[in-house]
Amino acid sequence: MPDDTLRDLAVRGRLRQPAVLEQQVRRMLADPRARALTTSFAAQWLTLRKASAWLPDPNMFPEFDENLRRAFVEETTRFLDDQRLADRGILDLIRADYSFVNARLAEHYGIPGITGDRFRKVTFTDGARGGVLGQGSVLMVTSYPDRTAPVVRGAWVLENLLGMPPPPPPPNVPQLQATDTAGKPRTMRAQMELHRQNPACATCHVRMDPLGFSLENFDAIGRWRTRDTGGPIDAASIFADGTPIDGVAGLRRFLLQHQDDYVETFVAKMLTYALGRHVDHRDMPAIRRIVREAAPGEFRWTAIILGIVQSAPFQMGTPAS
């Protein structure tokens, strides 16, 4: 709720003054309660709210428990809040080489030397972890309970990071064929390649699958692996525009090569959160202006949030009914 300072300025009509408004936004962002922004926005943007009720198959993943679930959510929340408090550029959400783990999460990720329940910052050198793409929370909610889902992960990247949501699947999509004619297990990649031979499916899969395949080294609860049920993991593909993507490191490079799409999508997602409604074509001039004005400072959190607060949709809009 607004505190006495905000109420007083609002009553006196001073919040409409740009300098006063900026001062108050910066004051609020420095307040510990601003962590609620990170928590709530992450739940909406990264679909993290699904993690609280996600139930991995206990037969496939008997090591999964509530402690690991809570650690997943806490890692992502701490990482995003650290980025916000340090006022980093939002490209660091993709390219950062660090995160926060406790002993339970470190064991899950294969990181030695971490003890206790306290979360601490760790730096990664293997190119696998770091940034949101290597975090168990994201990798879990973009999987099925019993296996990875390259299509779901690819669609998640398209919609939430690149602003290119694929169309809904056509009716009567055939099931994946987990084994060949001799009964030998197929890798997830082989199942998807066979599925994509259907011309009705190929149009969308040519964009989704390469992004999803790049994350196949992470299983359905975010552990690193080099083999699938049917054989070794092949995380290399070619995107629809001809760009090669090899593994999670290749996906990071791909996203940074498409940083204009990524930044605009991030701003649109945060504006959606701020307005409490979906954005549409009428909001695009404001989104482009926020991006343009945040560019000189490398798209830092404060610049984007200030741009949203100062924008016409935020200043003049009303909540969705």
C-alpha atoms as a PDB file:
ATOM      1  CA  MET A   1       0.000   0.000   0.000  1.00  0.00           C
ATOM      2  CA  PRO A   2       1.156   3.612  -0.520  1.00  0.00           C
ATOM      3  CA  ASP A   3       2.966   5.027   2.499  1.00  0.00           C
ATOM      4  CA  ASP A   4       2.430   8.474   4.029  1.00  0.00           C
ATOM      5  CA  THR A   5       4.976  10.111   1.721  1.00  0.00           C
ATOM      6  CA  LEU A   6       3.233   8.886  -1.418  1.00  0.00           C
ATOM      7  CA  ARG A   7      -0.203   9.759  -0.093  1.00  0.00           C
ATOM      8  CA  ASP A   8       0.907  13.266   0.792  1.00  0.00           C
ATOM      9  CA  LEU A   9       2.477  13.875  -2.631  1.00  0.00           C
ATOM     10  CA  ALA A  10      -0.598  12.475  -4.385  1.00  0.00           C
ATOM     11  CA  VAL A  11      -2.988  14.667  -2.382  1.00  0.00           C
ATOM     12  CA  ARG A  12      -0.925  17.710  -3.294  1.00  0.00           C
ATOM     13  CA  GLY A  13      -0.810  16.694  -6.961  1.00  0.00           C
ATOM     14  CA  ARG A  14       2.976  16.534  -7.015  1.00  0.00           C
ATOM     15  CA  LEU A  15       3.282  12.981  -8.340  1.00  0.00           C
ATOM     16  CA  ARG A  16       2.514  14.361 -11.785  1.00  0.00           C
ATOM     17  CA  GLN A  17       5.787  16.294 -11.693  1.00  0.00           C
ATOM     18  CA  PRO A  18       8.379  14.181 -13.600  1.00  0.00           C
ATOM     19  CA  ALA A  19      11.252  14.867 -11.178  1.00  0.00           C
ATOM     20  CA  VAL A  20       9.123  14.001  -8.143  1.00  0.00           C
ATOM     21  CA  LEU A  21       7.737  10.882  -9.807  1.00  0.00           C
ATOM     22  CA  GLU A  22      11.215   9.617 -10.682  1.00  0.00           C
ATOM     23  CA  GLN A  23      12.452  10.318  -7.170  1.00  0.00           C
ATOM     24  CA  GLN A  24       9.602   8.298  -5.683  1.00  0.00           C
ATOM     25  CA  VAL A  25      10.035   5.385  -8.086  1.00  0.00           C
ATOM     26  CA  ARG A  26      13.719   5.162  -7.160  1.00  0.00           C
ATOM     27  CA  ARG A  27      12.846   5.374  -3.456  1.00  0.00           C
ATOM     28  CA  MET A  28      10.325   2.562  -3.773  1.00  0.00           C
ATOM     29  CA  LEU A  29      12.735   0.342  -5.716  1.00  0.00           C
ATOM     30  CA  ALA A  30      15.299   0.742  -2.929  1.00  0.00           C
ATOM     31  CA  ASP A  31      12.795  -0.414  -0.313  1.00  0.00           C
ATOM     32  CA  PRO A  32      13.020  -4.094   0.778  1.00  0.00           C
ATOM     33  CA  ARG A  33       9.341  -4.505  -0.080  1.00  0.00           C
ATOM     34  CA  ALA A  34      10.241  -4.071  -3.741  1.00  0.00           C
ATOM     35  CA  ARG A  35      11.233  -7.755  -3.715  1.00  0.00           C
ATOM     36  CA  ALA A  36       7.541  -8.381  -4.288  1.00  0.00           C
ATOM     37  CA  LEU A  37       8.050  -6.998  -7.798  1.00  0.00           C
ATOM     38  CA  THR A  38      10.658  -9.648  -8.531  1.00  0.00           C
ATOM     39  CA  THR A  39       8.605 -12.444  -7.002  1.00  0.00           C
ATOM     40  CA  SER A  40       5.327 -11.573  -8.712  1.00  0.00           C
ATOM     41  CA  PHE A  41       6.808 -10.614 -12.069  1.00  0.00           C
ATOM     42  CA  ALA A  42       8.902 -13.803 -12.215  1.00  0.00           C
ATOM     43  CA  ALA A  43       5.799 -15.877 -11.484  1.00  0.00           C
ATOM     44  CA  GLN A  44       4.013 -14.257 -14.420  1.00  0.00           C
ATOM     45  CA  TRP A  45       6.812 -13.819 -16.966  1.00  0.00           C
ATOM     46  CA  LEU A  46       8.692 -17.082 -16.423  1.00  0.00           C
ATOM     47  CA  THR A  47       5.501 -19.035 -15.556  1.00  0.00           C
ATOM     48  CA  LEU A  48       7.162 -19.743 -12.212  1.00  0.00           C
ATOM     49  CA  ARG A  49       3.779 -19.963 -10.473  1.00  0.00           C
ATOM     50  CA  LYS A  50       3.427 -23.428 -12.007  1.00  0.00           C
ATOM     51  CA  ALA A  51       6.397 -24.653  -9.967  1.00  0.00           C
ATOM     52  CA  SER A  52       4.468 -24.627  -6.679  1.00  0.00           C
ATOM     53  CA  ALA A  53       2.074 -27.320  -7.878  1.00  0.00           C
ATOM     54  CA  TRP A  54       4.256 -29.189 -10.374  1.00  0.00           C
ATOM     55  CA  LEU A  55       4.435 -32.937  -9.727  1.00  0.00           C
ATOM     56  CA  PRO A  56       7.284 -34.756 -11.476  1.00  0.00           C
ATOM     57  CA  ASP A  57       6.622 -38.472 -11.869  1.00  0.00           C
ATOM     58  CA  PRO A  58       7.893 -40.088  -8.631  1.00  0.00           C
ATOM     59  CA  ASN A  59       8.737 -43.294 -10.500  1.00  0.00           C
ATOM     60  CA  MET A  60      10.963 -41.411 -12.936  1.00  0.00           C
ATOM     61  CA  PHE A  61      12.337 -38.867 -10.458  1.00  0.00           C
ATOM     62  CA  PRO A  62      12.242 -40.354  -6.938  1.00  0.00           C
ATOM     63  CA  GLU A  63      14.861 -37.828  -5.757  1.00  0.00           C
ATOM     64  CA  PHE A  64      12.488 -34.899  -6.266  1.00  0.00           C
ATOM     65  CA  ASP A  65      10.999 -33.542  -3.024  1.00  0.00           C
ATOM     66  CA  GLU A  66       9.529 -30.377  -1.532  1.00  0.00           C
ATOM     67  CA  ASN A  67      12.950 -29.128  -0.438  1.00  0.00           C
ATOM     68  CA  LEU A  68      14.138 -29.211  -4.039  1.00  0.00           C
ATOM     69  CA  ARG A  69      10.960 -27.512  -5.249  1.00  0.00           C
ATOM     70  CA  ARG A  70      11.409 -24.671  -2.756  1.00  0.00           C
ATOM     71  CA  ALA A  71      15.094 -24.401  -3.682  1.00  0.00           C
ATOM     72  CA  PHE A  72      14.189 -24.055  -7.372  1.00  0.00           C
ATOM     73  CA  VAL A  73      11.839 -21.149  -6.699  1.00  0.00           C
ATOM     74  CA  GLU A  74      14.210 -19.481  -4.240  1.00  0.00           C
ATOM     75  CA  GLU A  75      17.112 -19.674  -6.690  1.00  0.00           C
ATOM     76  CA  THR A  76      15.198 -17.883  -9.446  1.00  0.00           C
ATOM     77  CA  THR A  77      13.768 -15.286  -7.074  1.00  0.00           C
ATOM     78  CA  ARG A  78      17.165 -14.504  -5.550  1.00  0.00           C
ATOM     79  CA  PHE A  79      18.813 -14.322  -8.955  1.00  0.00           C
ATOM     80  CA  LEU A  80      16.246 -11.897 -10.365  1.00  0.00           C
ATOM     81  CA  ASP A  81      16.290  -9.792  -7.215  1.00  0.00           C
ATOM     82  CA  ASP A  82      20.078  -9.618  -7.315  1.00  0.00           C
ATOM     83  CA  GLN A  83      19.867  -8.409 -10.907  1.00  0.00           C
ATOM     84  CA  ARG A  84      17.279  -5.790  -9.968  1.00  0.00           C
ATOM     85  CA  LEU A  85      19.114  -4.528  -6.880  1.00  0.00           C
ATOM     86  CA  ALA A  86      22.374  -4.235  -8.828  1.00  0.00           C
ATOM     87  CA  ASP A  87      20.432  -2.482 -11.610  1.00  0.00           C
ATOM     88  CA  ARG A  88      21.993  -4.698 -14.253  1.00  0.00           C
ATOM     89  CA  GLY A  89      20.997  -4.670 -17.888  1.00  0.00           C
ATOM     90  CA  ILE A  90      18.353  -7.238 -18.709  1.00  0.00           C
ATOM     91  CA  LEU A  91      20.669  -8.982 -21.183  1.00  0.00           C
ATOM     92  CA  ASP A  92      22.451 -10.301 -18.084  1.00  0.00           C
ATOM     93  CA  LEU A  93      19.373 -12.393 -17.320  1.00  0.00           C
ATOM     94  CA  ILE A  94      20.489 -14.503 -20.290  1.00  0.00           C
ATOM     95  CA  ARG A  95      24.295 -14.241 -20.190  1.00  0.00           C
ATOM     96  CA  ALA A  96      25.026 -14.190 -16.432  1.00  0.00           C
ATOM     97  CA  ASP A  97      27.546 -16.799 -15.249  1.00  0.00           C
ATOM     98  CA  TYR A  98      26.259 -17.102 -11.684  1.00  0.00           C
ATOM     99  CA  SER A  99      23.275 -18.040  -9.560  1.00  0.00           C
ATOM    100  CA  PHE A 100      22.374 -18.842  -5.933  1.00  0.00           C
ATOM    101  CA  VAL A 101      22.321 -22.342  -4.420  1.00  0.00           C
ATOM    102  CA  ASN A 102      22.086 -24.098  -1.074  1.00  0.00           C
ATOM    103  CA  ALA A 103      23.347 -27.596  -0.297  1.00  0.00           C
ATOM    104  CA  ARG A 104      20.233 -29.338  -1.677  1.00  0.00           C
ATOM    105  CA  LEU A 105      20.351 -27.475  -4.963  1.00  0.00           C
ATOM    106  CA  ALA A 106      24.133 -27.765  -5.254  1.00  0.00           C
ATOM    107  CA  GLU A 107      23.883 -31.533  -4.899  1.00  0.00           C
ATOM    108  CA  HIS A 108      21.194 -31.598  -7.606  1.00  0.00           C
ATOM    109  CA  TYR A 109      23.361 -29.530  -9.939  1.00  0.00           C
ATOM    110  CA  GLY A 110      26.520 -31.478  -9.151  1.00  0.00           C
ATOM    111  CA  ILE A 111      28.327 -28.585  -7.430  1.00  0.00           C
ATOM    112  CA  PRO A 112      30.739 -29.766  -4.703  1.00  0.00           C
ATOM    113  CA  GLY A 113      31.654 -28.037  -1.455  1.00  0.00           C
ATOM    114  CA  ILE A 114      28.296 -26.416  -0.588  1.00  0.00           C
ATOM    115  CA  THR A 115      26.806 -27.207   2.815  1.00  0.00           C
ATOM    116  CA  GLY A 116      23.808 -25.986   4.786  1.00  0.00           C
ATOM    117  CA  ASP A 117      20.442 -24.464   3.933  1.00  0.00           C
ATOM    118  CA  ARG A 118      21.769 -20.937   3.388  1.00  0.00           C
ATOM    119  CA  PHE A 119      21.795 -19.780  -0.234  1.00  0.00           C
ATOM    120  CA  ARG A 120      25.059 -18.340  -1.492  1.00  0.00           C
ATOM    121  CA  LYS A 121      26.228 -16.936  -4.802  1.00  0.00           C
ATOM    122  CA  VAL A 122      28.213 -19.318  -7.007  1.00  0.00           C
ATOM    123  CA  THR A 123      29.947 -18.648 -10.315  1.00  0.00           C
ATOM    124  CA  PHE A 124      29.831 -21.240 -13.083  1.00  0.00           C
ATOM    125  CA  THR A 125      32.604 -21.904 -15.582  1.00  0.00           C
ATOM    126  CA  ASP A 126      31.113 -24.799 -17.558  1.00  0.00           C
ATOM    127  CA  GLY A 127      28.774 -22.710 -19.732  1.00  0.00           C
ATOM    128  CA  ALA A 128      25.795 -24.848 -18.696  1.00  0.00           C
ATOM    129  CA  ARG A 129      24.397 -23.030 -15.686  1.00  0.00           C
ATOM    130  CA  GLY A 130      24.034 -19.311 -15.189  1.00  0.00           C
ATOM    131  CA  GLY A 131      21.147 -17.046 -16.144  1.00  0.00           C
ATOM    132  CA  VAL A 132      17.526 -18.146 -16.257  1.00  0.00           C
ATOM    133  CA  LEU A 133      18.099 -20.808 -18.925  1.00  0.00           C
ATOM    134  CA  GLY A 134      20.082 -23.045 -16.572  1.00  0.00           C
ATOM    135  CA  GLN A 135      17.735 -22.877 -13.597  1.00  0.00           C
ATOM    136  CA  GLY A 136      15.761 -25.887 -12.433  1.00  0.00           C
ATOM    137  CA  SER A 137      12.539 -23.936 -11.947  1.00  0.00           C
ATOM    138  CA  VAL A 138      12.339 -22.935 -15.614  1.00  0.00           C
ATOM    139  CA  LEU A 139      13.526 -26.309 -16.898  1.00  0.00           C
ATOM    140  CA  MET A 140      10.972 -28.172 -14.760  1.00  0.00           C
ATOM    141  CA  VAL A 141       7.871 -26.160 -15.671  1.00  0.00           C
ATOM    142  CA  THR A 142       8.734 -26.428 -19.371  1.00  0.00           C
ATOM    143  CA  SER A 143       8.824 -30.236 -19.222  1.00  0.00           C
ATOM    144  CA  TYR A 144       6.270 -32.988 -18.805  1.00  0.00           C
ATOM    145  CA  PRO A 145       6.091 -34.775 -15.448  1.00  0.00           C
ATOM    146  CA  ASP A 146       7.874 -37.852 -16.848  1.00  0.00           C
ATOM    147  CA  ARG A 147      10.155 -36.461 -19.567  1.00  0.00           C
ATOM    148  CA  THR A 148      11.528 -33.395 -21.273  1.00  0.00           C
ATOM    149  CA  ALA A 149       9.373 -31.580 -23.823  1.00  0.00           C
ATOM    150  CA  PRO A 150      11.440 -29.853 -26.542  1.00  0.00           C
ATOM    151  CA  VAL A 151       8.267 -28.444 -28.100  1.00  0.00           C
ATOM    152  CA  VAL A 152       7.112 -26.919 -24.799  1.00  0.00           C
ATOM    153  CA  ARG A 153      10.556 -25.494 -24.083  1.00  0.00           C
ATOM    154  CA  GLY A 154      10.881 -24.142 -27.606  1.00  0.00           C
ATOM    155  CA  ALA A 155       7.434 -22.545 -27.479  1.00  0.00           C
ATOM    156  CA  TRP A 156       8.302 -21.051 -24.066  1.00  0.00           C
ATOM    157  CA  VAL A 157      11.451 -19.425 -25.482  1.00  0.00           C
ATOM    158  CA  LEU A 158       9.553 -18.131 -28.512  1.00  0.00           C
ATOM    159  CA  GLU A 159       6.741 -16.606 -26.479  1.00  0.00           C
ATOM    160  CA  ASN A 160       8.459 -15.406 -23.293  1.00  0.00           C
ATOM    161  CA  LEU A 161      11.895 -14.403 -24.566  1.00  0.00           C
ATOM    162  CA  LEU A 162      11.404 -13.558 -28.243  1.00  0.00           C
ATOM    163  CA  GLY A 163       7.766 -12.462 -28.461  1.00  0.00           C
ATOM    164  CA  MET A 164       7.016 -14.911 -31.288  1.00  0.00           C
ATOM    165  CA  PRO A 165       4.305 -17.187 -29.859  1.00  0.00           C
ATOM    166  CA  PRO A 166       3.570 -20.157 -32.109  1.00  0.00           C
ATOM    167  CA  PRO A 167      -0.026 -20.829 -33.170  1.00  0.00           C
ATOM    168  CA  PRO A 168      -2.004 -23.450 -31.222  1.00  0.00           C
ATOM    169  CA  PRO A 169      -1.431 -27.034 -32.363  1.00  0.00           C
ATOM    170  CA  PRO A 170      -3.805 -28.454 -34.961  1.00  0.00           C
ATOM    171  CA  PRO A 171      -6.424 -30.991 -33.868  1.00  0.00           C
ATOM    172  CA  ASN A 172      -5.623 -34.692 -33.744  1.00  0.00           C
ATOM    173  CA  VAL A 173      -1.863 -34.317 -33.326  1.00  0.00           C
ATOM    174  CA  PRO A 174      -0.398 -37.843 -33.469  1.00  0.00           C
ATOM    175  CA  GLN A 175       1.365 -39.272 -30.423  1.00  0.00           C
ATOM    176  CA  LEU A 176       5.144 -39.532 -30.390  1.00  0.00           C
ATOM    177  CA  GLN A 177       6.511 -42.998 -31.139  1.00  0.00           C
ATOM    178  CA  ALA A 178       8.809 -43.873 -28.244  1.00  0.00           C
ATOM    179  CA  THR A 179      10.187 -47.056 -29.856  1.00  0.00           C
ATOM    180  CA  ASP A 180      11.099 -48.151 -33.362  1.00  0.00           C
ATOM    181  CA  THR A 181       9.571 -51.115 -35.201  1.00  0.00           C
ATOM    182  CA  ALA A 182      11.960 -53.471 -33.420  1.00  0.00           C
ATOM    183  CA  GLY A 183      10.936 -52.118 -29.993  1.00  0.00           C
ATOM    184  CA  LYS A 184      14.209 -50.264 -29.424  1.00  0.00           C
ATOM    185  CA  PRO A 185      13.779 -46.974 -27.479  1.00  0.00           C
ATOM    186  CA  ARG A 186      14.120 -43.778 -29.494  1.00  0.00           C
ATOM    187  CA  THR A 187      15.723 -40.648 -28.079  1.00  0.00           C
ATOM    188  CA  MET A 188      13.408 -37.678 -27.649  1.00  0.00           C
ATOM    189  CA  ARG A 189      15.199 -36.055 -30.569  1.00  0.00           C
ATOM    190  CA  ALA A 190      14.517 -39.066 -32.820  1.00  0.00           C
ATOM    191  CA  GLN A 191      10.849 -39.086 -31.793  1.00  0.00           C
ATOM    192  CA  MET A 192      10.530 -35.393 -32.648  1.00  0.00           C
ATOM    193  CA  GLU A 193      12.338 -35.761 -35.983  1.00  0.00           C
ATOM    194  CA  LEU A 194       9.878 -38.486 -36.971  1.00  0.00           C
ATOM    195  CA  HIS A 195       6.931 -36.378 -35.823  1.00  0.00           C
ATOM    196  CA  ARG A 196       8.141 -33.402 -37.851  1.00  0.00           C
ATOM    197  CA  GLN A 197       7.949 -35.392 -41.102  1.00  0.00           C
ATOM    198  CA  ASN A 198       4.218 -34.605 -41.071  1.00  0.00           C
ATOM    199  CA  PRO A 199       3.919 -31.468 -43.283  1.00  0.00           C
ATOM    200  CA  ALA A 200       1.096 -30.112 -41.096  1.00  0.00           C
ATOM    201  CA  CYS A 201       3.438 -30.160 -38.097  1.00  0.00           C
ATOM    202  CA  ALA A 202       6.683 -29.072 -39.737  1.00  0.00           C
ATOM    203  CA  THR A 203       5.789 -25.391 -40.221  1.00  0.00           C
ATOM    204  CA  CYS A 204       5.718 -24.626 -36.505  1.00  0.00           C
ATOM    205  CA  HIS A 205       8.247 -27.217 -35.390  1.00  0.00           C
ATOM    206  CA  VAL A 206      10.977 -25.737 -37.567  1.00  0.00           C
ATOM    207  CA  ARG A 207      11.032 -22.810 -35.112  1.00  0.00           C
ATOM    208  CA  MET A 208      10.173 -24.533 -31.826  1.00  0.00           C
ATOM    209  CA  ASP A 209      12.242 -27.696 -32.037  1.00  0.00           C
ATOM    210  CA  PRO A 210      15.738 -26.203 -32.486  1.00  0.00           C
ATOM    211  CA  LEU A 211      15.217 -24.014 -29.400  1.00  0.00           C
ATOM    212  CA  GLY A 212      13.909 -26.951 -27.392  1.00  0.00           C
ATOM    213  CA  PHE A 213      16.629 -29.344 -28.574  1.00  0.00           C
ATOM    214  CA  SER A 214      19.270 -26.891 -27.349  1.00  0.00           C
ATOM    215  CA  LEU A 215      18.081 -27.556 -23.776  1.00  0.00           C
ATOM    216  CA  GLU A 216      17.935 -31.361 -24.043  1.00  0.00           C
ATOM    217  CA  ASN A 217      21.066 -31.773 -21.910  1.00  0.00           C
ATOM    218  CA  PHE A 218      18.808 -30.805 -18.980  1.00  0.00           C
ATOM    219  CA  ASP A 219      16.352 -33.477 -17.913  1.00  0.00           C
ATOM    220  CA  ALA A 220      12.770 -32.814 -16.758  1.00  0.00           C
ATOM    221  CA  ILE A 221      13.931 -31.629 -13.311  1.00  0.00           C
ATOM    222  CA  GLY A 222      16.917 -29.642 -14.540  1.00  0.00           C
ATOM    223  CA  ARG A 223      19.772 -32.130 -14.022  1.00  0.00           C
ATOM    224  CA  TRP A 224      22.604 -32.133 -16.553  1.00  0.00           C
ATOM    225  CA  ARG A 225      22.864 -35.282 -18.652  1.00  0.00           C
ATOM    226  CA  THR A 226      24.676 -36.487 -21.755  1.00  0.00           C
ATOM    227  CA  ARG A 227      22.437 -39.458 -22.617  1.00  0.00           C
ATOM    228  CA  ASP A 228      18.733 -40.007 -23.129  1.00  0.00           C
ATOM    229  CA  THR A 229      16.919 -43.338 -22.905  1.00  0.00           C
ATOM    230  CA  GLY A 230      17.685 -44.201 -26.507  1.00  0.00           C
ATOM    231  CA  GLY A 231      21.254 -42.910 -26.779  1.00  0.00           C
ATOM    232  CA  PRO A 232      23.492 -39.820 -26.535  1.00  0.00           C
ATOM    233  CA  ILE A 233      21.981 -36.326 -26.452  1.00  0.00           C
ATOM    234  CA  ASP A 234      22.234 -34.304 -29.663  1.00  0.00           C
ATOM    235  CA  ALA A 235      21.589 -30.662 -28.716  1.00  0.00           C
ATOM    236  CA  ALA A 236      22.518 -29.112 -32.084  1.00  0.00           C
ATOM    237  CA  SER A 237      19.975 -27.834 -34.605  1.00  0.00           C
ATOM    238  CA  ILE A 238      19.349 -25.140 -37.189  1.00  0.00           C
ATOM    239  CA  PHE A 239      16.677 -22.484 -36.617  1.00  0.00           C
ATOM    240  CA  ALA A 240      14.147 -21.592 -39.306  1.00  0.00           C
ATOM    241  CA  ASP A 241      16.274 -18.628 -40.449  1.00  0.00           C
ATOM    242  CA  GLY A 242      19.338 -20.840 -40.970  1.00  0.00           C
ATOM    243  CA  THR A 243      21.102 -19.964 -37.705  1.00  0.00           C
ATOM    244  CA  PRO A 244      22.850 -22.960 -36.095  1.00  0.00           C
ATOM    245  CA  ILE A 245      22.132 -23.471 -32.372  1.00  0.00           C
ATOM    246  CA  ASP A 246      24.253 -25.939 -30.421  1.00  0.00           C
ATOM    247  CA  GLY A 247      23.282 -26.570 -26.802  1.00  0.00           C
ATOM    248  CA  VAL A 248      22.394 -24.064 -24.119  1.00  0.00           C
ATOM    249  CA  ALA A 249      25.489 -21.957 -24.893  1.00  0.00           C
ATOM    250  CA  GLY A 250      24.327 -21.733 -28.492  1.00  0.00           C
ATOM    251  CA  LEU A 251      20.841 -20.749 -27.371  1.00  0.00           C
ATOM    252  CA  ARG A 252      22.291 -17.906 -25.293  1.00  0.00           C
ATOM    253  CA  ARG A 253      24.235 -16.649 -28.307  1.00  0.00           C
ATOM    254  CA  PHE A 254      21.114 -16.918 -30.464  1.00  0.00           C
ATOM    255  CA  LEU A 255      19.055 -14.859 -28.017  1.00  0.00           C
ATOM    256  CA  LEU A 256      21.766 -12.204 -27.766  1.00  0.00           C
ATOM    257  CA  GLN A 257      21.907 -12.052 -31.566  1.00  0.00           C
ATOM    258  CA  HIS A 258      18.166 -11.337 -31.426  1.00  0.00           C
ATOM    259  CA  GLN A 259      18.442  -8.907 -28.538  1.00  0.00           C
ATOM    260  CA  ASP A 260      16.025  -6.411 -30.098  1.00  0.00           C
ATOM    261  CA  ASP A 261      13.239  -9.003 -30.000  1.00  0.00           C
ATOM    262  CA  TYR A 262      14.238 -10.111 -26.504  1.00  0.00           C
ATOM    263  CA  VAL A 263      14.360  -6.590 -25.019  1.00  0.00           C
ATOM    264  CA  GLU A 264      11.061  -5.570 -26.598  1.00  0.00           C
ATOM    265  CA  THR A 265       9.451  -8.764 -25.318  1.00  0.00           C
ATOM    266  CA  PHE A 266      10.771  -8.192 -21.787  1.00  0.00           C
ATOM    267  CA  VAL A 267       9.402  -4.642 -21.767  1.00  0.00           C
ATOM    268  CA  ALA A 268       6.045  -5.845 -23.100  1.00  0.00           C
ATOM    269  CA  LYS A 269       5.873  -8.545 -20.413  1.00  0.00           C
ATOM    270  CA  MET A 270       6.692  -6.067 -17.646  1.00  0.00           C
ATOM    271  CA  LEU A 271       4.184  -3.544 -19.010  1.00  0.00           C
ATOM    272  CA  THR A 272       1.582  -6.327 -19.015  1.00  0.00           C
ATOM    273  CA  TYR A 273       2.410  -6.961 -15.362  1.00  0.00           C
ATOM    274  CA  ALA A 274       2.240  -3.238 -14.530  1.00  0.00           C
ATOM    275  CA  LEU A 275      -1.092  -2.645 -16.284  1.00  0.00           C
ATOM    276  CA  GLY A 276      -2.815  -5.840 -15.193  1.00  0.00           C
ATOM    277  CA  ARG A 277      -3.903  -6.522 -18.763  1.00  0.00           C
ATOM    278  CA  HIS A 278      -2.499  -7.815 -22.027  1.00  0.00           C
ATOM    279  CA  VAL A 279      -0.784  -5.294 -24.262  1.00  0.00           C
ATOM    280  CA  ASP A 280      -1.801  -4.882 -27.895  1.00  0.00           C
ATOM    281  CA  HIS A 281      -0.851  -2.874 -30.987  1.00  0.00           C
ATOM    282  CA  ARG A 282      -1.993   0.362 -29.337  1.00  0.00           C
ATOM    283  CA  ASP A 283       0.725  -0.043 -26.699  1.00  0.00           C
ATOM    284  CA  MET A 284       3.556  -0.642 -29.183  1.00  0.00           C
ATOM    285  CA  PRO A 285       4.604   3.041 -29.559  1.00  0.00           C
ATOM    286  CA  ALA A 286       5.038   3.248 -25.783  1.00  0.00           C
ATOM    287  CA  ILE A 287       6.973  -0.039 -25.693  1.00  0.00           C
ATOM    288  CA  ARG A 288       9.304   1.085 -28.477  1.00  0.00           C
ATOM    289  CA  ARG A 289       9.890   4.399 -26.725  1.00  0.00           C
ATOM    290  CA  ILE A 290      10.751   2.661 -23.436  1.00  0.00           C
ATOM    291  CA  VAL A 291      13.218   0.407 -25.269  1.00  0.00           C
ATOM    292  CA  ARG A 292      14.757   3.331 -27.143  1.00  0.00           C
ATOM    293  CA  GLU A 293      15.236   5.452 -24.031  1.00  0.00           C
ATOM    294  CA  ALA A 294      16.653   2.532 -22.014  1.00  0.00           C
ATOM    295  CA  ALA A 295      19.186   1.581 -24.692  1.00  0.00           C
ATOM    296  CA  PRO A 296      21.974   4.056 -23.731  1.00  0.00           C
ATOM    297  CA  GLY A 297      22.102   2.511 -20.247  1.00  0.00           C
ATOM    298  CA  GLU A 298      22.168  -1.060 -21.608  1.00  0.00           C
ATOM    299  CA  PHE A 299      18.515  -1.676 -20.732  1.00  0.00           C
ATOM    300  CA  ARG A 300      18.893  -1.520 -16.965  1.00  0.00           C
ATOM    301  CA  TRP A 301      15.981  -2.455 -14.713  1.00  0.00           C
ATOM    302  CA  THR A 302      15.540   1.047 -13.322  1.00  0.00           C
ATOM    303  CA  ALA A 303      15.448   2.627 -16.783  1.00  0.00           C
ATOM    304  CA  ILE A 304      12.769   0.179 -17.942  1.00  0.00           C
ATOM    305  CA  ILE A 305      10.656   0.566 -14.802  1.00  0.00           C
ATOM    306  CA  LEU A 306      10.898   4.356 -14.952  1.00  0.00           C
ATOM    307  CA  GLY A 307       9.933   4.237 -18.619  1.00  0.00           C
ATOM    308  CA  ILE A 308       6.862   2.163 -17.817  1.00  0.00           C
ATOM    309  CA  VAL A 309       5.761   4.427 -14.954  1.00  0.00           C
ATOM    310  CA  GLN A 310       6.179   7.493 -17.166  1.00  0.00           C
ATOM    311  CA  SER A 311       4.427   5.920 -20.185  1.00  0.00           C
ATOM    312  CA  ALA A 312       0.989   6.909 -21.427  1.00  0.00           C
ATOM    313  CA  PRO A 313      -0.547   3.427 -20.960  1.00  0.00           C
ATOM    314  CA  PHE A 314       0.497   3.381 -17.291  1.00  0.00           C
ATOM    315  CA  GLN A 315      -0.370   7.019 -16.567  1.00  0.00           C
ATOM    316  CA  MET A 316      -3.742   6.979 -18.341  1.00  0.00           C
ATOM    317  CA  GLY A 317      -4.826   3.344 -18.256  1.00  0.00           C
ATOM    318  CA  THR A 318      -7.372   1.586 -16.113  1.00  0.00           C
ATOM    319  CA  PRO A 319      -7.199  -2.000 -14.838  1.00  0.00           C
ATOM    320  CA  ALA A 320      -8.814  -4.678 -16.940  1.00  0.00           C
ATOM    321  CA  SER A 321     -12.387  -5.345 -15.915  1.00  0.00           C
END
